[in-house]
Amino acid sequence: MASSHTQDLGVSLGTLKLHNPLIAASGCYGYGVEYSDVADRNDLGGFITKSISLEPWKGNDPPRLTEVSPGLLNSIGLANMGVQRFSDEIAPQIVGGKAKAIVSVACKVMEEYEEVVARLEDVEGLDGYELNISCPNVKEGGMAFCLNPSLTEELVGRVRKRSSRWITTKLTPNMTSISEGAKASAAGGADAVSLINTLVGMAVDWKSRRPKLSTITGGYSGPPVKPVALAKVWEVWNAVDIPIIGIGGISNWKDVVEFMIVGASAVQIGTALYADPDLPGKIVSDLEDFMRSEGMNLLSELTGSLNTDGGAMVGVPK
């Protein structure tokens, strides 16, 4: 006999409610309009735009993207059109749908973060901001905001004063303690934290003995970073009370479930979208099948449900 229960994939990220836990990651989904001809944006619970700065940024010189086996190395350099053009031309096209529209903000100094958010506050329909705090803080000698918890807390606090909208900070694994960055984000008033950003990686052409990226190193993403990301999500889950958005190598429904079990309330899909723009719809269908097979009604019940009693699984090397 068929079950009369329905599967509810909805999740809560504090004040932000998503109809499913899938969010398109910044940088991999353009401004939110580029995929419209090949995929249904409403298959997503939300999407995060390319990072927006105060003025247009050219980004790094090519080559700035290269495939590695497996995964992807990028050194785009946060190329974008700037907040004014984004507000005028792009924002009206991405608001009002089923998927929540979240703007990534990346700047060089705190004052610019404040100014960008202040301008975006005048755009109706945006659902929140992801603060990409891996950009150089020029006034602090080039140190990334996320590497200094006191700067993280100050930045989030200053942006919070400019907006009542939902805010998450995107944290890097390339730091001594990602949980300290998460605590600082929470102390500053962030509603959630997003982790992890890309790992530092490098690719070399052995024939020419030259790097494959103009910047020599770049951000490494794809399936191999998943174990690192899972560990960081678990670390932060045990350190803060605000919701966590897991990022790193997610390409199927099992990945989503695993990230939620270790503490994520939602996840971001990035590199995998390049290979399959329709992937979110497929994952949603698979998650519904999984829930039916498990007799689950609420997917959100998975968050933080890791069973650590008795240690590792039987048969798995410790």
Protein backbone atom coordinates (compact mmCIF):
# COMPACT_ATOMS: atom_id res chain seq x y z
CA MET A 1 0.00 0.00 0.00
CA ALA A 2 1.41 3.40 -0.95
CA SER A 3 2.29 5.78 1.86
CA SER A 4 0.01 8.76 2.34
CA HIS A 5 2.90 10.84 3.68
CA THR A 6 4.63 13.44 1.55
CA GLN A 7 8.32 14.21 1.49
CA ASP A 8 9.16 17.72 2.69
CA LEU A 9 12.56 18.85 1.41
CA GLY A 10 12.23 22.32 2.90
CA VAL A 11 15.03 23.62 5.13
CA SER A 12 15.50 26.64 7.34
CA LEU A 13 18.65 28.75 7.42
CA GLY A 14 17.55 31.00 10.23
CA THR A 15 15.27 33.60 8.69
CA LEU A 16 15.79 32.21 5.17
CA LYS A 17 13.49 29.35 4.18
CA LEU A 18 14.29 27.19 1.15
CA HIS A 19 11.94 24.73 -0.55
CA ASN A 20 14.87 22.33 -0.89
CA PRO A 21 18.46 22.32 0.40
CA LEU A 22 20.19 22.84 -2.96
CA ILE A 23 21.89 26.17 -3.63
CA ALA A 24 23.90 26.98 -6.75
CA ALA A 25 27.35 28.15 -5.65
CA SER A 26 28.74 31.57 -6.46
CA GLY A 27 30.97 31.64 -9.50
CA CYS A 28 29.45 28.48 -10.96
CA TYR A 29 26.00 29.88 -11.76
CA GLY A 30 26.90 33.20 -13.35
CA TYR A 31 24.68 36.06 -12.27
CA GLY A 32 21.67 33.76 -12.09
CA VAL A 33 20.47 34.30 -15.67
CA GLU A 34 23.02 32.41 -17.77
CA TYR A 35 21.53 28.96 -17.15
CA SER A 36 17.94 29.94 -17.97
CA ASP A 37 18.01 28.34 -21.43
CA VAL A 38 19.34 24.99 -20.23
CA ALA A 39 17.94 24.45 -16.73
CA ASP A 40 15.00 25.39 -14.52
CA ARG A 41 16.18 27.74 -11.78
CA ASN A 42 13.20 26.71 -9.63
CA ASP A 43 14.73 23.25 -9.20
CA LEU A 44 17.06 25.00 -6.77
CA GLY A 45 16.24 26.12 -3.27
CA GLY A 46 18.42 29.14 -3.94
CA PHE A 47 21.33 30.45 -5.96
CA ILE A 48 24.25 32.72 -5.25
CA THR A 49 25.40 35.17 -7.89
CA LYS A 50 28.91 35.86 -9.04
CA SER A 51 30.67 38.01 -6.46
CA ILE A 52 29.81 41.68 -6.89
CA SER A 53 32.25 44.49 -6.09
CA LEU A 54 31.82 48.25 -5.85
CA GLU A 55 33.41 48.94 -9.23
CA PRO A 56 33.78 46.54 -12.20
CA TRP A 57 36.68 44.12 -11.90
CA LYS A 58 38.51 42.74 -14.92
CA GLY A 59 39.76 39.69 -13.06
CA ASN A 60 42.98 37.82 -13.70
CA ASP A 61 44.68 37.40 -17.07
CA PRO A 62 44.10 34.14 -18.95
CA PRO A 63 44.63 31.27 -18.71
CA ARG A 64 42.48 31.29 -15.58
CA LEU A 65 40.62 27.98 -15.75
CA THR A 66 41.96 24.48 -16.26
CA GLU A 67 40.63 20.98 -15.74
CA VAL A 68 42.57 18.59 -13.56
CA SER A 69 41.89 14.92 -13.06
CA PRO A 70 39.50 14.94 -11.34
CA GLY A 71 38.28 18.44 -10.61
CA LEU A 72 38.80 22.02 -11.67
CA LEU A 73 41.33 24.77 -10.97
CA ASN A 74 40.23 28.37 -11.35
CA SER A 75 41.80 31.76 -10.96
CA ILE A 76 39.04 33.99 -12.31
CA GLY A 77 39.90 36.80 -9.94
CA LEU A 78 36.26 37.67 -9.14
CA ALA A 79 35.69 39.35 -12.50
CA ASN A 80 32.33 41.15 -12.42
CA MET A 81 30.36 44.10 -13.75
CA GLY A 82 30.17 46.08 -10.50
CA VAL A 83 27.22 46.82 -8.25
CA GLN A 84 25.61 49.60 -10.29
CA ARG A 85 25.27 47.65 -13.52
CA PHE A 86 24.27 44.52 -11.61
CA SER A 87 21.50 46.42 -9.81
CA ASP A 88 20.22 48.01 -13.00
CA GLU A 89 20.46 45.12 -15.47
CA ILE A 90 20.64 41.79 -13.65
CA ALA A 91 18.83 42.04 -10.32
CA PRO A 92 15.36 42.66 -11.84
CA GLN A 93 15.70 39.40 -13.79
CA ILE A 94 16.54 37.14 -10.84
CA VAL A 95 14.12 38.14 -8.10
CA GLY A 96 10.66 36.82 -7.37
CA GLY A 97 11.12 33.17 -8.31
CA LYS A 98 10.82 30.05 -6.20
CA ALA A 99 14.60 29.90 -5.76
CA LYS A 100 15.97 32.46 -3.31
CA ALA A 101 18.26 35.09 -4.86
CA ILE A 102 21.41 35.63 -2.82
CA VAL A 103 24.12 38.08 -3.87
CA SER A 104 27.77 37.32 -3.23
CA VAL A 105 29.71 40.42 -2.22
CA ALA A 106 33.51 40.64 -2.50
CA CYS A 107 35.53 43.81 -1.93
CA LYS A 108 39.00 44.95 -0.99
CA VAL A 109 38.19 47.00 2.12
CA MET A 110 35.41 47.06 4.70
CA GLU A 111 34.00 50.38 3.54
CA GLU A 112 33.39 48.93 0.08
CA TYR A 113 31.50 45.96 1.51
CA GLU A 114 29.29 48.43 3.37
CA GLU A 115 28.72 50.54 0.27
CA VAL A 116 27.86 47.58 -1.98
CA VAL A 117 25.34 46.23 0.51
CA ALA A 118 23.86 49.70 1.05
CA ARG A 119 23.27 50.02 -2.69
CA LEU A 120 21.80 46.52 -2.94
CA GLU A 121 19.37 47.37 -0.15
CA ASP A 122 17.59 49.60 -2.68
CA VAL A 123 16.95 46.58 -4.94
CA GLU A 124 13.61 44.99 -4.13
CA GLY A 125 13.27 41.22 -3.94
CA LEU A 126 16.80 40.12 -3.09
CA ASP A 127 16.81 37.52 -0.34
CA GLY A 128 20.23 37.91 1.22
CA TYR A 129 24.00 38.20 0.91
CA GLU A 130 26.96 35.86 1.00
CA LEU A 131 30.06 37.74 2.11
CA ASN A 132 33.06 36.35 0.30
CA ILE A 133 35.69 37.24 2.86
CA SER A 134 38.66 35.66 1.09
CA CYS A 135 39.50 38.85 -0.78
CA PRO A 136 42.66 40.76 0.15
CA ASN A 137 42.20 43.45 2.76
CA VAL A 138 44.48 46.04 1.23
CA LYS A 139 44.44 48.32 4.27
CA GLU A 140 45.67 45.43 6.41
CA GLY A 141 48.64 44.59 4.23
CA GLY A 142 46.87 42.09 2.01
CA MET A 143 45.63 39.75 4.76
CA ALA A 144 42.37 38.00 3.90
CA PHE A 145 39.51 38.93 6.25
CA CYS A 146 38.72 35.32 7.02
CA LEU A 147 42.23 34.64 8.33
CA ASN A 148 41.74 37.14 11.16
CA PRO A 149 38.69 36.43 13.36
CA SER A 150 38.61 39.96 14.77
CA LEU A 151 38.43 41.40 11.25
CA THR A 152 35.75 38.87 10.33
CA GLU A 153 33.62 39.89 13.29
CA GLU A 154 34.10 43.59 12.58
CA LEU A 155 33.25 43.24 8.89
CA VAL A 156 30.11 41.21 9.50
CA GLY A 157 29.04 43.64 12.22
CA ARG A 158 29.46 46.64 9.94
CA VAL A 159 27.51 44.99 7.13
CA ARG A 160 24.81 43.87 9.58
CA LYS A 161 24.21 47.50 10.54
CA ARG A 162 23.51 48.24 6.87
CA SER A 163 20.99 45.46 6.32
CA SER A 164 18.27 43.41 7.98
CA ARG A 165 18.50 40.81 5.20
CA TRP A 166 19.88 37.32 5.70
CA ILE A 167 23.70 37.15 5.71
CA THR A 168 26.15 34.25 5.45
CA THR A 169 29.94 34.35 5.35
CA LYS A 170 31.94 32.13 3.03
CA LEU A 171 34.92 30.65 4.84
CA THR A 172 38.16 29.21 3.53
CA PRO A 173 39.72 25.90 4.61
CA ASN A 174 43.14 27.49 4.09
CA MET A 175 43.35 28.68 7.69
CA THR A 176 44.47 27.28 11.03
CA SER A 177 40.99 27.01 12.56
CA ILE A 178 37.87 27.42 10.44
CA SER A 179 35.74 27.18 13.58
CA GLU A 180 37.27 30.43 14.85
CA GLY A 181 36.12 32.12 11.64
CA ALA A 182 32.65 30.67 12.13
CA LYS A 183 32.49 31.88 15.74
CA ALA A 184 33.57 35.35 14.64
CA SER A 185 30.91 35.38 11.93
CA ALA A 186 28.23 34.46 14.45
CA ALA A 187 29.47 37.09 16.90
CA GLY A 188 29.29 39.72 14.17
CA GLY A 189 25.68 38.89 13.42
CA ALA A 190 25.82 36.43 10.51
CA ASP A 191 22.75 34.23 10.11
CA ALA A 192 24.77 31.31 8.70
CA VAL A 193 28.20 30.25 7.49
CA SER A 194 29.12 28.72 4.12
CA LEU A 195 32.02 26.26 3.93
CA ILE A 196 34.29 25.40 2.35
CA ASN A 197 35.69 27.72 -0.29
CA THR A 198 38.21 26.19 -2.70
CA LEU A 199 41.50 24.65 -1.63
CA VAL A 200 44.73 26.14 -2.97
CA GLY A 201 45.92 24.02 -5.89
CA MET A 202 48.30 24.06 -8.83
CA ALA A 203 48.66 22.48 -12.26
CA VAL A 204 51.81 22.28 -14.40
CA ASP A 205 52.39 21.50 -18.07
CA TRP A 206 55.32 19.09 -17.93
CA LYS A 207 56.29 19.70 -21.55
CA SER A 208 56.77 23.45 -21.26
CA ARG A 209 57.48 23.37 -17.51
CA ARG A 210 55.00 26.22 -17.12
CA PRO A 211 52.03 26.60 -14.78
CA LYS A 212 48.62 26.11 -16.39
CA LEU A 213 47.22 29.23 -14.69
CA SER A 214 48.52 32.77 -15.14
CA THR A 215 48.52 33.20 -11.36
CA ILE A 216 50.45 29.90 -10.90
CA THR A 217 48.11 28.66 -8.15
CA GLY A 218 44.33 28.74 -8.05
CA GLY A 219 41.24 27.42 -6.33
CA TYR A 220 40.75 23.65 -6.49
CA SER A 221 37.20 22.29 -6.54
CA GLY A 222 35.44 19.06 -7.43
CA PRO A 223 34.81 15.61 -5.89
CA PRO A 224 38.25 15.15 -4.25
CA VAL A 225 37.69 18.09 -1.86
CA LYS A 226 34.58 16.48 -0.36
CA PRO A 227 36.32 14.66 2.54
CA VAL A 228 38.00 17.91 3.59
CA ALA A 229 34.71 19.77 3.37
CA LEU A 230 32.85 17.15 5.41
CA ALA A 231 35.46 17.38 8.16
CA LYS A 232 35.24 21.19 8.25
CA VAL A 233 31.43 21.14 8.40
CA TRP A 234 31.58 18.67 11.29
CA GLU A 235 34.13 20.87 13.07
CA VAL A 236 31.98 23.97 12.72
CA TRP A 237 28.79 22.09 13.65
CA ASN A 238 30.43 21.44 17.01
CA ALA A 239 31.50 25.07 17.41
CA VAL A 240 28.54 27.34 16.54
CA ASP A 241 24.77 27.36 16.78
CA ILE A 242 23.99 29.12 13.48
CA PRO A 243 23.14 27.09 10.35
CA ILE A 244 25.89 25.73 8.11
CA ILE A 245 25.82 25.52 4.32
CA GLY A 246 28.11 22.74 3.13
CA ILE A 247 30.18 23.14 -0.03
CA GLY A 248 32.70 20.87 -1.69
CA GLY A 249 32.48 18.15 -4.32
CA ILE A 250 28.71 17.62 -4.18
CA SER A 251 27.50 15.80 -7.29
CA ASN A 252 24.69 13.43 -6.21
CA TRP A 253 21.99 12.90 -3.57
CA LYS A 254 24.24 10.80 -1.35
CA ASP A 255 26.67 13.70 -1.07
CA VAL A 256 23.81 15.95 0.06
CA VAL A 257 22.71 13.45 2.69
CA GLU A 258 26.24 13.04 4.02
CA PHE A 259 26.77 16.79 4.37
CA MET A 260 23.48 17.14 6.23
CA ILE A 261 24.30 14.24 8.56
CA VAL A 262 27.54 15.93 9.67
CA GLY A 263 25.81 19.24 10.33
CA ALA A 264 24.85 21.12 7.16
CA SER A 265 21.33 22.52 6.90
CA ALA A 266 21.77 23.07 3.16
CA VAL A 267 24.45 22.59 0.51
CA GLN A 268 25.91 24.40 -2.46
CA ILE A 269 26.51 22.71 -5.80
CA GLY A 270 29.32 24.21 -7.84
CA THR A 271 31.69 22.47 -10.23
CA ALA A 272 29.21 19.67 -11.00
CA LEU A 273 26.83 22.19 -12.62
CA TYR A 274 29.29 22.73 -15.46
CA ALA A 275 28.96 19.08 -16.47
CA ASP A 276 25.20 18.81 -15.86
CA PRO A 277 23.09 21.97 -15.51
CA ASP A 278 20.01 19.79 -14.83
CA LEU A 279 21.67 18.10 -11.86
CA PRO A 280 19.60 19.89 -9.15
CA GLY A 281 16.33 18.52 -10.51
CA LYS A 282 17.77 15.01 -10.62
CA ILE A 283 19.07 15.27 -7.07
CA VAL A 284 15.70 16.49 -5.79
CA SER A 285 13.98 13.48 -7.35
CA ASP A 286 16.57 11.13 -5.89
CA LEU A 287 16.23 12.72 -2.45
CA GLU A 288 12.47 12.17 -2.56
CA ASP A 289 13.05 8.51 -3.43
CA PHE A 290 15.56 8.21 -0.58
CA MET A 291 13.10 9.71 1.89
CA ARG A 292 10.36 7.35 0.81
CA SER A 293 12.66 4.36 1.18
CA GLU A 294 13.65 5.54 4.68
CA GLY A 295 10.12 6.45 5.74
CA MET A 296 11.17 10.07 6.24
CA ASN A 297 8.83 13.05 6.03
CA LEU A 298 11.25 15.90 6.83
CA LEU A 299 14.65 16.02 5.18
CA SER A 300 15.78 18.61 7.71
CA GLU A 301 15.79 15.89 10.37
CA LEU A 302 19.07 14.68 8.88
CA THR A 303 21.03 17.75 9.99
CA GLY A 304 23.53 16.86 12.69
CA SER A 305 22.36 13.25 12.98
CA LEU A 306 25.83 11.67 12.77
CA ASN A 307 25.99 8.54 14.91
CA THR A 308 29.34 8.48 16.70
CA ASP A 309 28.43 5.80 19.23
CA GLY A 310 30.84 2.91 19.00
CA GLY A 311 33.26 4.70 16.68
CA ALA A 312 33.78 3.72 13.06
CA MET A 313 31.66 1.38 10.97
CA VAL A 314 32.48 -2.31 11.27
CA GLY A 315 34.91 -3.32 8.54
CA VAL A 316 36.16 0.21 7.88
CA PRO A 317 39.86 0.75 8.67
CA LYS A 318 40.38 3.10 11.60
